[in-house]
mmCIF file of all heavy atoms, coordinates in Angstrom:
data_MODEL
# 
_entry.id   MODEL 
# 
loop_
_atom_site.group_PDB 
_atom_site.id 
_atom_site.type_symbol 
_atom_site.label_atom_id 
_atom_site.label_alt_id 
_atom_site.label_comp_id 
_atom_site.label_asym_id 
_atom_site.label_entity_id 
_atom_site.label_seq_id 
_atom_site.pdbx_PDB_ins_code 
_atom_site.Cartn_x 
_atom_site.Cartn_y 
_atom_site.Cartn_z 
_atom_site.occupancy 
_atom_site.B_iso_or_equiv 
_atom_site.pdbx_formal_charge 
_atom_site.auth_seq_id 
_atom_site.auth_comp_id 
_atom_site.auth_asym_id 
_atom_site.auth_atom_id 
_atom_site.pdbx_PDB_model_num 
ATOM 1   N N   . TYR A 1 1  ? 11.809  -11.703 -4.671 1.00 0.00 ? 1  TYR A N   1 
ATOM 2   C CA  . TYR A 1 1  ? 10.753  -10.830 -5.152 1.00 0.00 ? 1  TYR A CA  1 
ATOM 3   C C   . TYR A 1 1  ? 9.479   -11.038 -4.414 1.00 0.00 ? 1  TYR A C   1 
ATOM 4   O O   . TYR A 1 1  ? 8.867   -10.049 -3.991 1.00 0.00 ? 1  TYR A O   1 
ATOM 5   C CB  . TYR A 1 1  ? 10.498  -11.193 -6.704 1.00 0.00 ? 1  TYR A CB  1 
ATOM 6   C CG  . TYR A 1 1  ? 9.287   -10.403 -7.227 1.00 0.00 ? 1  TYR A CG  1 
ATOM 7   C CD1 . TYR A 1 1  ? 9.470   -9.061  -7.581 1.00 0.00 ? 1  TYR A CD1 1 
ATOM 8   C CD2 . TYR A 1 1  ? 8.080   -11.040 -7.403 1.00 0.00 ? 1  TYR A CD2 1 
ATOM 9   C CE1 . TYR A 1 1  ? 8.305   -8.359  -8.069 1.00 0.00 ? 1  TYR A CE1 1 
ATOM 10  C CE2 . TYR A 1 1  ? 6.986   -10.341 -7.865 1.00 0.00 ? 1  TYR A CE2 1 
ATOM 11  C CZ  . TYR A 1 1  ? 7.135   -8.997  -8.195 1.00 0.00 ? 1  TYR A CZ  1 
ATOM 12  O OH  . TYR A 1 1  ? 6.068   -8.309  -8.705 1.00 0.00 ? 1  TYR A OH  1 
ATOM 13  N N   . VAL A 1 2  ? 9.037   -12.256 -4.165 1.00 0.00 ? 2  VAL A N   1 
ATOM 14  C CA  . VAL A 1 2  ? 7.844   -12.538 -3.418 1.00 0.00 ? 2  VAL A CA  1 
ATOM 15  C C   . VAL A 1 2  ? 7.877   -12.003 -2.039 1.00 0.00 ? 2  VAL A C   1 
ATOM 16  O O   . VAL A 1 2  ? 6.990   -11.305 -1.539 1.00 0.00 ? 2  VAL A O   1 
ATOM 17  C CB  . VAL A 1 2  ? 7.513   -14.051 -3.404 1.00 0.00 ? 2  VAL A CB  1 
ATOM 18  C CG1 . VAL A 1 2  ? 6.399   -14.414 -2.418 1.00 0.00 ? 2  VAL A CG1 1 
ATOM 19  C CG2 . VAL A 1 2  ? 7.112   -14.552 -4.785 1.00 0.00 ? 2  VAL A CG2 1 
ATOM 20  N N   . GLU A 1 3  ? 9.007   -12.180 -1.322 1.00 0.00 ? 3  GLU A N   1 
ATOM 21  C CA  . GLU A 1 3  ? 9.149   -11.663 0.045  1.00 0.00 ? 3  GLU A CA  1 
ATOM 22  C C   . GLU A 1 3  ? 9.135   -10.172 0.052  1.00 0.00 ? 3  GLU A C   1 
ATOM 23  O O   . GLU A 1 3  ? 8.577   -9.538  0.953  1.00 0.00 ? 3  GLU A O   1 
ATOM 24  C CB  . GLU A 1 3  ? 10.435  -12.213 0.659  1.00 0.00 ? 3  GLU A CB  1 
ATOM 25  C CG  . GLU A 1 3  ? 10.374  -13.734 0.938  1.00 0.00 ? 3  GLU A CG  1 
ATOM 26  C CD  . GLU A 1 3  ? 11.601  -14.343 1.423  1.00 0.00 ? 3  GLU A CD  1 
ATOM 27  O OE1 . GLU A 1 3  ? 12.728  -13.683 1.283  1.00 0.00 ? 3  GLU A OE1 1 
ATOM 28  O OE2 . GLU A 1 3  ? 11.588  -15.455 1.885  1.00 0.00 ? 3  GLU A OE2 1 
ATOM 29  N N   . LYS A 1 4  ? 9.757   -9.498  -0.972 1.00 0.00 ? 4  LYS A N   1 
ATOM 30  C CA  . LYS A 1 4  ? 9.857   -8.048  -0.992 1.00 0.00 ? 4  LYS A CA  1 
ATOM 31  C C   . LYS A 1 4  ? 8.493   -7.415  -1.453 1.00 0.00 ? 4  LYS A C   1 
ATOM 32  O O   . LYS A 1 4  ? 8.088   -6.360  -0.859 1.00 0.00 ? 4  LYS A O   1 
ATOM 33  C CB  . LYS A 1 4  ? 10.962  -7.592  -1.905 1.00 0.00 ? 4  LYS A CB  1 
ATOM 34  C CG  . LYS A 1 4  ? 11.130  -6.101  -1.949 1.00 0.00 ? 4  LYS A CG  1 
ATOM 35  C CD  . LYS A 1 4  ? 12.280  -5.712  -2.881 1.00 0.00 ? 4  LYS A CD  1 
ATOM 36  C CE  . LYS A 1 4  ? 12.401  -4.199  -2.935 1.00 0.00 ? 4  LYS A CE  1 
ATOM 37  N NZ  . LYS A 1 4  ? 13.189  -3.776  -4.056 1.00 0.00 ? 4  LYS A NZ  1 
ATOM 38  N N   . GLU A 1 5  ? 7.890   -7.972  -2.452 1.00 0.00 ? 5  GLU A N   1 
ATOM 39  C CA  . GLU A 1 5  ? 6.746   -7.300  -3.092 1.00 0.00 ? 5  GLU A CA  1 
ATOM 40  C C   . GLU A 1 5  ? 5.367   -7.934  -2.803 1.00 0.00 ? 5  GLU A C   1 
ATOM 41  O O   . GLU A 1 5  ? 4.362   -7.252  -2.900 1.00 0.00 ? 5  GLU A O   1 
ATOM 42  C CB  . GLU A 1 5  ? 6.944   -7.316  -4.649 1.00 0.00 ? 5  GLU A CB  1 
ATOM 43  C CG  . GLU A 1 5  ? 8.153   -6.569  -5.118 1.00 0.00 ? 5  GLU A CG  1 
ATOM 44  C CD  . GLU A 1 5  ? 8.112   -5.114  -4.876 1.00 0.00 ? 5  GLU A CD  1 
ATOM 45  O OE1 . GLU A 1 5  ? 7.041   -4.544  -4.797 1.00 0.00 ? 5  GLU A OE1 1 
ATOM 46  O OE2 . GLU A 1 5  ? 9.201   -4.472  -4.679 1.00 0.00 ? 5  GLU A OE2 1 
ATOM 47  N N   . LEU A 1 6  ? 5.365   -9.205  -2.401 1.00 0.00 ? 6  LEU A N   1 
ATOM 48  C CA  . LEU A 1 6  ? 4.039   -9.897  -2.306 1.00 0.00 ? 6  LEU A CA  1 
ATOM 49  C C   . LEU A 1 6  ? 3.785   -10.466 -0.894 1.00 0.00 ? 6  LEU A C   1 
ATOM 50  O O   . LEU A 1 6  ? 2.809   -11.109 -0.676 1.00 0.00 ? 6  LEU A O   1 
ATOM 51  C CB  . LEU A 1 6  ? 3.940   -11.036 -3.342 1.00 0.00 ? 6  LEU A CB  1 
ATOM 52  C CG  . LEU A 1 6  ? 4.091   -10.587 -4.793 1.00 0.00 ? 6  LEU A CG  1 
ATOM 53  C CD1 . LEU A 1 6  ? 4.077   -11.802 -5.696 1.00 0.00 ? 6  LEU A CD1 1 
ATOM 54  C CD2 . LEU A 1 6  ? 3.063   -9.539  -5.151 1.00 0.00 ? 6  LEU A CD2 1 
ATOM 55  N N   . SER A 1 7  ? 4.679   -10.240 0.033  1.00 0.00 ? 7  SER A N   1 
ATOM 56  C CA  . SER A 1 7  ? 4.408   -10.694 1.418  1.00 0.00 ? 7  SER A CA  1 
ATOM 57  C C   . SER A 1 7  ? 3.357   -9.877  2.047  1.00 0.00 ? 7  SER A C   1 
ATOM 58  O O   . SER A 1 7  ? 3.039   -8.804  1.585  1.00 0.00 ? 7  SER A O   1 
ATOM 59  C CB  . SER A 1 7  ? 5.753   -10.579 2.237  1.00 0.00 ? 7  SER A CB  1 
ATOM 60  O OG  . SER A 1 7  ? 6.110   -9.210  2.397  1.00 0.00 ? 7  SER A OG  1 
ATOM 61  N N   . SER A 1 8  ? 2.836   -10.403 3.169  1.00 0.00 ? 8  SER A N   1 
ATOM 62  C CA  . SER A 1 8  ? 1.760   -9.628  3.846  1.00 0.00 ? 8  SER A CA  1 
ATOM 63  C C   . SER A 1 8  ? 2.224   -8.275  4.240  1.00 0.00 ? 8  SER A C   1 
ATOM 64  O O   . SER A 1 8  ? 1.443   -7.266  4.037  1.00 0.00 ? 8  SER A O   1 
ATOM 65  C CB  . SER A 1 8  ? 1.282   -10.437 5.097  1.00 0.00 ? 8  SER A CB  1 
ATOM 66  O OG  . SER A 1 8  ? 0.654   -11.574 4.684  1.00 0.00 ? 8  SER A OG  1 
ATOM 67  N N   . PRO A 1 9  ? 3.352   -8.062  4.860  1.00 0.00 ? 9  PRO A N   1 
ATOM 68  C CA  . PRO A 1 9  ? 3.785   -6.712  5.192  1.00 0.00 ? 9  PRO A CA  1 
ATOM 69  C C   . PRO A 1 9  ? 3.873   -5.749  4.012  1.00 0.00 ? 9  PRO A C   1 
ATOM 70  O O   . PRO A 1 9  ? 3.510   -4.602  4.056  1.00 0.00 ? 9  PRO A O   1 
ATOM 71  C CB  . PRO A 1 9  ? 5.171   -6.866  5.877  1.00 0.00 ? 9  PRO A CB  1 
ATOM 72  C CG  . PRO A 1 9  ? 5.188   -8.282  6.410  1.00 0.00 ? 9  PRO A CG  1 
ATOM 73  C CD  . PRO A 1 9  ? 4.298   -9.079  5.342  1.00 0.00 ? 9  PRO A CD  1 
ATOM 74  N N   . ALA A 1 10 ? 4.429   -6.303  2.909  1.00 0.00 ? 10 ALA A N   1 
ATOM 75  C CA  . ALA A 1 10 ? 4.565   -5.498  1.667  1.00 0.00 ? 10 ALA A CA  1 
ATOM 76  C C   . ALA A 1 10 ? 3.185   -5.058  1.120  1.00 0.00 ? 10 ALA A C   1 
ATOM 77  O O   . ALA A 1 10 ? 3.002   -3.972  0.706  1.00 0.00 ? 10 ALA A O   1 
ATOM 78  C CB  . ALA A 1 10 ? 5.371   -6.245  0.603  1.00 0.00 ? 10 ALA A CB  1 
ATOM 79  N N   . LEU A 1 11 ? 2.272   -6.004  1.072  1.00 0.00 ? 11 LEU A N   1 
ATOM 80  C CA  . LEU A 1 11 ? 0.911   -5.787  0.569  1.00 0.00 ? 11 LEU A CA  1 
ATOM 81  C C   . LEU A 1 11 ? 0.186   -4.838  1.487  1.00 0.00 ? 11 LEU A C   1 
ATOM 82  O O   . LEU A 1 11 ? -0.481  -3.956  0.984  1.00 0.00 ? 11 LEU A O   1 
ATOM 83  C CB  . LEU A 1 11 ? 0.191   -7.065  0.363  1.00 0.00 ? 11 LEU A CB  1 
ATOM 84  C CG  . LEU A 1 11 ? 0.730   -7.935  -0.780 1.00 0.00 ? 11 LEU A CG  1 
ATOM 85  C CD1 . LEU A 1 11 ? -0.098  -9.255  -0.791 1.00 0.00 ? 11 LEU A CD1 1 
ATOM 86  C CD2 . LEU A 1 11 ? 0.714   -7.244  -2.144 1.00 0.00 ? 11 LEU A CD2 1 
ATOM 87  N N   . ILE A 1 12 ? 0.389   -4.910  2.758  1.00 0.00 ? 12 ILE A N   1 
ATOM 88  C CA  . ILE A 1 12 ? -0.254  -3.993  3.727  1.00 0.00 ? 12 ILE A CA  1 
ATOM 89  C C   . ILE A 1 12 ? 0.260   -2.595  3.440  1.00 0.00 ? 12 ILE A C   1 
ATOM 90  O O   . ILE A 1 12 ? -0.542  -1.639  3.438  1.00 0.00 ? 12 ILE A O   1 
ATOM 91  C CB  . ILE A 1 12 ? -0.106  -4.476  5.197  1.00 0.00 ? 12 ILE A CB  1 
ATOM 92  C CG1 . ILE A 1 12 ? -0.895  -5.766  5.438  1.00 0.00 ? 12 ILE A CG1 1 
ATOM 93  C CG2 . ILE A 1 12 ? -0.457  -3.346  6.167  1.00 0.00 ? 12 ILE A CG2 1 
ATOM 94  C CD1 . ILE A 1 12 ? -0.575  -6.423  6.741  1.00 0.00 ? 12 ILE A CD1 1 
ATOM 95  N N   . LYS A 1 13 ? 1.528   -2.440  3.352  1.00 0.00 ? 13 LYS A N   1 
ATOM 96  C CA  . LYS A 1 13 ? 2.132   -1.116  3.093  1.00 0.00 ? 13 LYS A CA  1 
ATOM 97  C C   . LYS A 1 13 ? 1.625   -0.524  1.771  1.00 0.00 ? 13 LYS A C   1 
ATOM 98  O O   . LYS A 1 13 ? 1.266   0.622   1.781  1.00 0.00 ? 13 LYS A O   1 
ATOM 99  C CB  . LYS A 1 13 ? 3.659   -1.260  2.966  1.00 0.00 ? 13 LYS A CB  1 
ATOM 100 C CG  . LYS A 1 13 ? 4.363   0.003   2.878  1.00 0.00 ? 13 LYS A CG  1 
ATOM 101 C CD  . LYS A 1 13 ? 5.905   -0.177  2.844  1.00 0.00 ? 13 LYS A CD  1 
ATOM 102 C CE  . LYS A 1 13 ? 6.647   1.116   2.667  1.00 0.00 ? 13 LYS A CE  1 
ATOM 103 N NZ  . LYS A 1 13 ? 8.054   0.981   2.687  1.00 0.00 ? 13 LYS A NZ  1 
ATOM 104 N N   . LYS A 1 14 ? 1.520   -1.365  0.765  1.00 0.00 ? 14 LYS A N   1 
ATOM 105 C CA  . LYS A 1 14 ? 0.982   -0.831  -0.572 1.00 0.00 ? 14 LYS A CA  1 
ATOM 106 C C   . LYS A 1 14 ? -0.463  -0.432  -0.385 1.00 0.00 ? 14 LYS A C   1 
ATOM 107 O O   . LYS A 1 14 ? -0.918  0.628   -0.937 1.00 0.00 ? 14 LYS A O   1 
ATOM 108 C CB  . LYS A 1 14 ? 1.080   -1.924  -1.617 1.00 0.00 ? 14 LYS A CB  1 
ATOM 109 C CG  . LYS A 1 14 ? 2.442   -2.131  -2.127 1.00 0.00 ? 14 LYS A CG  1 
ATOM 110 C CD  . LYS A 1 14 ? 2.551   -3.265  -3.137 1.00 0.00 ? 14 LYS A CD  1 
ATOM 111 C CE  . LYS A 1 14 ? 3.981   -3.552  -3.515 1.00 0.00 ? 14 LYS A CE  1 
ATOM 112 N NZ  . LYS A 1 14 ? 4.047   -4.583  -4.562 1.00 0.00 ? 14 LYS A NZ  1 
ATOM 113 N N   . LEU A 1 15 ? -1.265  -1.150  0.400  1.00 0.00 ? 15 LEU A N   1 
ATOM 114 C CA  . LEU A 1 15 ? -2.674  -0.838  0.611  1.00 0.00 ? 15 LEU A CA  1 
ATOM 115 C C   . LEU A 1 15 ? -2.819  0.462   1.347  1.00 0.00 ? 15 LEU A C   1 
ATOM 116 O O   . LEU A 1 15 ? -3.589  1.387   0.967  1.00 0.00 ? 15 LEU A O   1 
ATOM 117 C CB  . LEU A 1 15 ? -3.391  -1.959  1.347  1.00 0.00 ? 15 LEU A CB  1 
ATOM 118 C CG  . LEU A 1 15 ? -4.849  -1.824  1.587  1.00 0.00 ? 15 LEU A CG  1 
ATOM 119 C CD1 . LEU A 1 15 ? -5.630  -1.672  0.256  1.00 0.00 ? 15 LEU A CD1 1 
ATOM 120 C CD2 . LEU A 1 15 ? -5.397  -3.036  2.365  1.00 0.00 ? 15 LEU A CD2 1 
ATOM 121 N N   . VAL A 1 16 ? -2.081  0.592   2.470  1.00 0.00 ? 16 VAL A N   1 
ATOM 122 C CA  . VAL A 1 16 ? -2.102  1.813   3.237  1.00 0.00 ? 16 VAL A CA  1 
ATOM 123 C C   . VAL A 1 16 ? -1.658  3.013   2.440  1.00 0.00 ? 16 VAL A C   1 
ATOM 124 O O   . VAL A 1 16 ? -2.252  4.078   2.497  1.00 0.00 ? 16 VAL A O   1 
ATOM 125 C CB  . VAL A 1 16 ? -1.208  1.677   4.460  1.00 0.00 ? 16 VAL A CB  1 
ATOM 126 C CG1 . VAL A 1 16 ? -0.995  3.013   5.226  1.00 0.00 ? 16 VAL A CG1 1 
ATOM 127 C CG2 . VAL A 1 16 ? -1.821  0.689   5.476  1.00 0.00 ? 16 VAL A CG2 1 
ATOM 128 N N   . ASN A 1 17 ? -0.637  2.888   1.561  1.00 0.00 ? 17 ASN A N   1 
ATOM 129 C CA  . ASN A 1 17 ? -0.195  3.901   0.680  1.00 0.00 ? 17 ASN A CA  1 
ATOM 130 C C   . ASN A 1 17 ? -1.319  4.340   -0.346 1.00 0.00 ? 17 ASN A C   1 
ATOM 131 O O   . ASN A 1 17 ? -1.508  5.475   -0.603 1.00 0.00 ? 17 ASN A O   1 
ATOM 132 C CB  . ASN A 1 17 ? 1.103   3.571   -0.048 1.00 0.00 ? 17 ASN A CB  1 
ATOM 133 C CG  . ASN A 1 17 ? 2.316   3.595   0.849  1.00 0.00 ? 17 ASN A CG  1 
ATOM 134 O OD1 . ASN A 1 17 ? 2.306   4.209   1.892  1.00 0.00 ? 17 ASN A OD1 1 
ATOM 135 N ND2 . ASN A 1 17 ? 3.307   2.845   0.448  1.00 0.00 ? 17 ASN A ND2 1 
ATOM 136 N N   . ALA A 1 18 ? -1.957  3.322   -0.866 1.00 0.00 ? 18 ALA A N   1 
ATOM 137 C CA  . ALA A 1 18 ? -3.083  3.617   -1.804 1.00 0.00 ? 18 ALA A CA  1 
ATOM 138 C C   . ALA A 1 18 ? -4.157  4.352   -1.092 1.00 0.00 ? 18 ALA A C   1 
ATOM 139 O O   . ALA A 1 18 ? -4.735  5.348   -1.655 1.00 0.00 ? 18 ALA A O   1 
ATOM 140 C CB  . ALA A 1 18 ? -3.612  2.286   -2.380 1.00 0.00 ? 18 ALA A CB  1 
ATOM 141 N N   . TRP A 1 19 ? -4.503  3.949   0.097  1.00 0.00 ? 19 TRP A N   1 
ATOM 142 C CA  . TRP A 1 19 ? -5.570  4.717   0.887  1.00 0.00 ? 19 TRP A CA  1 
ATOM 143 C C   . TRP A 1 19 ? -5.089  6.169   1.113  1.00 0.00 ? 19 TRP A C   1 
ATOM 144 O O   . TRP A 1 19 ? -5.901  7.045   1.038  1.00 0.00 ? 19 TRP A O   1 
ATOM 145 C CB  . TRP A 1 19 ? -5.806  4.029   2.233  1.00 0.00 ? 19 TRP A CB  1 
ATOM 146 C CG  . TRP A 1 19 ? -6.626  2.799   2.123  1.00 0.00 ? 19 TRP A CG  1 
ATOM 147 C CD1 . TRP A 1 19 ? -7.396  2.380   1.074  1.00 0.00 ? 19 TRP A CD1 1 
ATOM 148 C CD2 . TRP A 1 19 ? -6.601  1.710   3.133  1.00 0.00 ? 19 TRP A CD2 1 
ATOM 149 N NE1 . TRP A 1 19 ? -7.892  1.101   1.429  1.00 0.00 ? 19 TRP A NE1 1 
ATOM 150 C CE2 . TRP A 1 19 ? -7.473  0.730   2.580  1.00 0.00 ? 19 TRP A CE2 1 
ATOM 151 C CE3 . TRP A 1 19 ? -6.011  1.565   4.371  1.00 0.00 ? 19 TRP A CE3 1 
ATOM 152 C CZ2 . TRP A 1 19 ? -7.741  -0.432  3.350  1.00 0.00 ? 19 TRP A CZ2 1 
ATOM 153 C CZ3 . TRP A 1 19 ? -6.304  0.397   5.086  1.00 0.00 ? 19 TRP A CZ3 1 
ATOM 154 C CH2 . TRP A 1 19 ? -7.177  -0.602  4.561  1.00 0.00 ? 19 TRP A CH2 1 
ATOM 155 N N   . GLY A 1 20 ? -3.821  6.351   1.403  1.00 0.00 ? 20 GLY A N   1 
ATOM 156 C CA  . GLY A 1 20 ? -3.281  7.704   1.645  1.00 0.00 ? 20 GLY A CA  1 
ATOM 157 C C   . GLY A 1 20 ? -3.444  8.511   0.416  1.00 0.00 ? 20 GLY A C   1 
ATOM 158 O O   . GLY A 1 20 ? -3.853  9.671   0.413  1.00 0.00 ? 20 GLY A O   1 
ATOM 159 N N   . ARG A 1 21 ? -3.186  7.935   -0.779 1.00 0.00 ? 21 ARG A N   1 
ATOM 160 C CA  . ARG A 1 21 ? -3.251  8.725   -2.028 1.00 0.00 ? 21 ARG A CA  1 
ATOM 161 C C   . ARG A 1 21 ? -4.753  9.049   -2.345 1.00 0.00 ? 21 ARG A C   1 
ATOM 162 O O   . ARG A 1 21 ? -5.043  10.143  -2.722 1.00 0.00 ? 21 ARG A O   1 
ATOM 163 C CB  . ARG A 1 21 ? -2.720  7.905   -3.246 1.00 0.00 ? 21 ARG A CB  1 
ATOM 164 C CG  . ARG A 1 21 ? -1.171  7.859   -3.208 1.00 0.00 ? 21 ARG A CG  1 
ATOM 165 C CD  . ARG A 1 21 ? -0.599  7.294   -4.443 1.00 0.00 ? 21 ARG A CD  1 
ATOM 166 N NE  . ARG A 1 21 ? -1.046  5.972   -4.803 1.00 0.00 ? 21 ARG A NE  1 
ATOM 167 C CZ  . ARG A 1 21 ? -0.530  4.815   -4.355 1.00 0.00 ? 21 ARG A CZ  1 
ATOM 168 N NH1 . ARG A 1 21 ? 0.479   4.925   -3.525 1.00 0.00 ? 21 ARG A NH1 1 
ATOM 169 N NH2 . ARG A 1 21 ? -1.015  3.680   -4.705 1.00 0.00 ? 21 ARG A NH2 1 
ATOM 170 N N   . LEU A 1 22 ? -5.569  8.143   -2.088 1.00 0.00 ? 22 LEU A N   1 
ATOM 171 C CA  . LEU A 1 22 ? -7.056  8.377   -2.245 1.00 0.00 ? 22 LEU A CA  1 
ATOM 172 C C   . LEU A 1 22 ? -7.593  9.449   -1.325 1.00 0.00 ? 22 LEU A C   1 
ATOM 173 O O   . LEU A 1 22 ? -8.330  10.317  -1.712 1.00 0.00 ? 22 LEU A O   1 
ATOM 174 C CB  . LEU A 1 22 ? -7.876  7.085   -2.062 1.00 0.00 ? 22 LEU A CB  1 
ATOM 175 C CG  . LEU A 1 22 ? -7.769  6.045   -3.214 1.00 0.00 ? 22 LEU A CG  1 
ATOM 176 C CD1 . LEU A 1 22 ? -8.457  4.785   -2.800 1.00 0.00 ? 22 LEU A CD1 1 
ATOM 177 C CD2 . LEU A 1 22 ? -8.347  6.599   -4.466 1.00 0.00 ? 22 LEU A CD2 1 
ATOM 178 N N   . ALA A 1 23 ? -7.139  9.429   -0.081 1.00 0.00 ? 23 ALA A N   1 
ATOM 179 C CA  . ALA A 1 23 ? -7.555  10.413  0.898  1.00 0.00 ? 23 ALA A CA  1 
ATOM 180 C C   . ALA A 1 23 ? -7.014  11.802  0.473  1.00 0.00 ? 23 ALA A C   1 
ATOM 181 O O   . ALA A 1 23 ? -7.768  12.816  0.551  1.00 0.00 ? 23 ALA A O   1 
ATOM 182 C CB  . ALA A 1 23 ? -6.974  10.095  2.282  1.00 0.00 ? 23 ALA A CB  1 
ATOM 183 N N   . ALA A 1 24 ? -5.786  11.835  -0.067 1.00 0.00 ? 24 ALA A N   1 
ATOM 184 C CA  . ALA A 1 24 ? -5.252  13.109  -0.481 1.00 0.00 ? 24 ALA A CA  1 
ATOM 185 C C   . ALA A 1 24 ? -6.004  13.657  -1.714 1.00 0.00 ? 24 ALA A C   1 
ATOM 186 O O   . ALA A 1 24 ? -6.292  14.832  -1.785 1.00 0.00 ? 24 ALA A O   1 
ATOM 187 C CB  . ALA A 1 24 ? -3.771  12.902  -0.838 1.00 0.00 ? 24 ALA A CB  1 
ATOM 188 N N   . GLN A 1 25 ? -6.372  12.788  -2.611 1.00 0.00 ? 25 GLN A N   1 
ATOM 189 C CA  . GLN A 1 25 ? -7.153  13.210  -3.786 1.00 0.00 ? 25 GLN A CA  1 
ATOM 190 C C   . GLN A 1 25 ? -8.509  13.743  -3.337 1.00 0.00 ? 25 GLN A C   1 
ATOM 191 O O   . GLN A 1 25 ? -8.981  14.789  -3.822 1.00 0.00 ? 25 GLN A O   1 
ATOM 192 C CB  . GLN A 1 25 ? -7.341  12.001  -4.732 1.00 0.00 ? 25 GLN A CB  1 
ATOM 193 C CG  . GLN A 1 25 ? -6.117  11.682  -5.486 1.00 0.00 ? 25 GLN A CG  1 
ATOM 194 C CD  . GLN A 1 25 ? -6.340  10.436  -6.322 1.00 0.00 ? 25 GLN A CD  1 
ATOM 195 O OE1 . GLN A 1 25 ? -7.370  9.789   -6.265 1.00 0.00 ? 25 GLN A OE1 1 
ATOM 196 N NE2 . GLN A 1 25 ? -5.353  10.121  -7.189 1.00 0.00 ? 25 GLN A NE2 1 
ATOM 197 N N   . SER A 1 26 ? -9.154  13.078  -2.385 1.00 0.00 ? 26 SER A N   1 
ATOM 198 C CA  . SER A 1 26 ? -10.469 13.486  -1.880 1.00 0.00 ? 26 SER A CA  1 
ATOM 199 C C   . SER A 1 26 ? -10.329 14.845  -1.217 1.00 0.00 ? 26 SER A C   1 
ATOM 200 O O   . SER A 1 26 ? -11.179 15.722  -1.471 1.00 0.00 ? 26 SER A O   1 
ATOM 201 C CB  . SER A 1 26 ? -10.994 12.409  -0.889 1.00 0.00 ? 26 SER A CB  1 
ATOM 202 O OG  . SER A 1 26 ? -12.194 12.845  -0.351 1.00 0.00 ? 26 SER A OG  1 
ATOM 203 N N   . THR A 1 27 ? -9.265  15.023  -0.421 1.00 0.00 ? 27 THR A N   1 
ATOM 204 C CA  . THR A 1 27 ? -9.037  16.299  0.239  1.00 0.00 ? 27 THR A CA  1 
ATOM 205 C C   . THR A 1 27 ? -8.818  17.470  -0.754 1.00 0.00 ? 27 THR A C   1 
ATOM 206 O O   . THR A 1 27 ? -9.375  18.529  -0.622 1.00 0.00 ? 27 THR A O   1 
ATOM 207 C CB  . THR A 1 27 ? -7.887  16.212  1.241  1.00 0.00 ? 27 THR A CB  1 
ATOM 208 O OG1 . THR A 1 27 ? -8.090  15.192  2.162  1.00 0.00 ? 27 THR A OG1 1 
ATOM 209 C CG2 . THR A 1 27 ? -7.595  17.483  1.919  1.00 0.00 ? 27 THR A CG2 1 
# 
């Protein structure tokens, strides 16, 4: 679970996805 959901690559992916959703909402 930690390796899949909480590792640096997983958290970076979640952050980038969140930024993408925010950018889409703003657009």
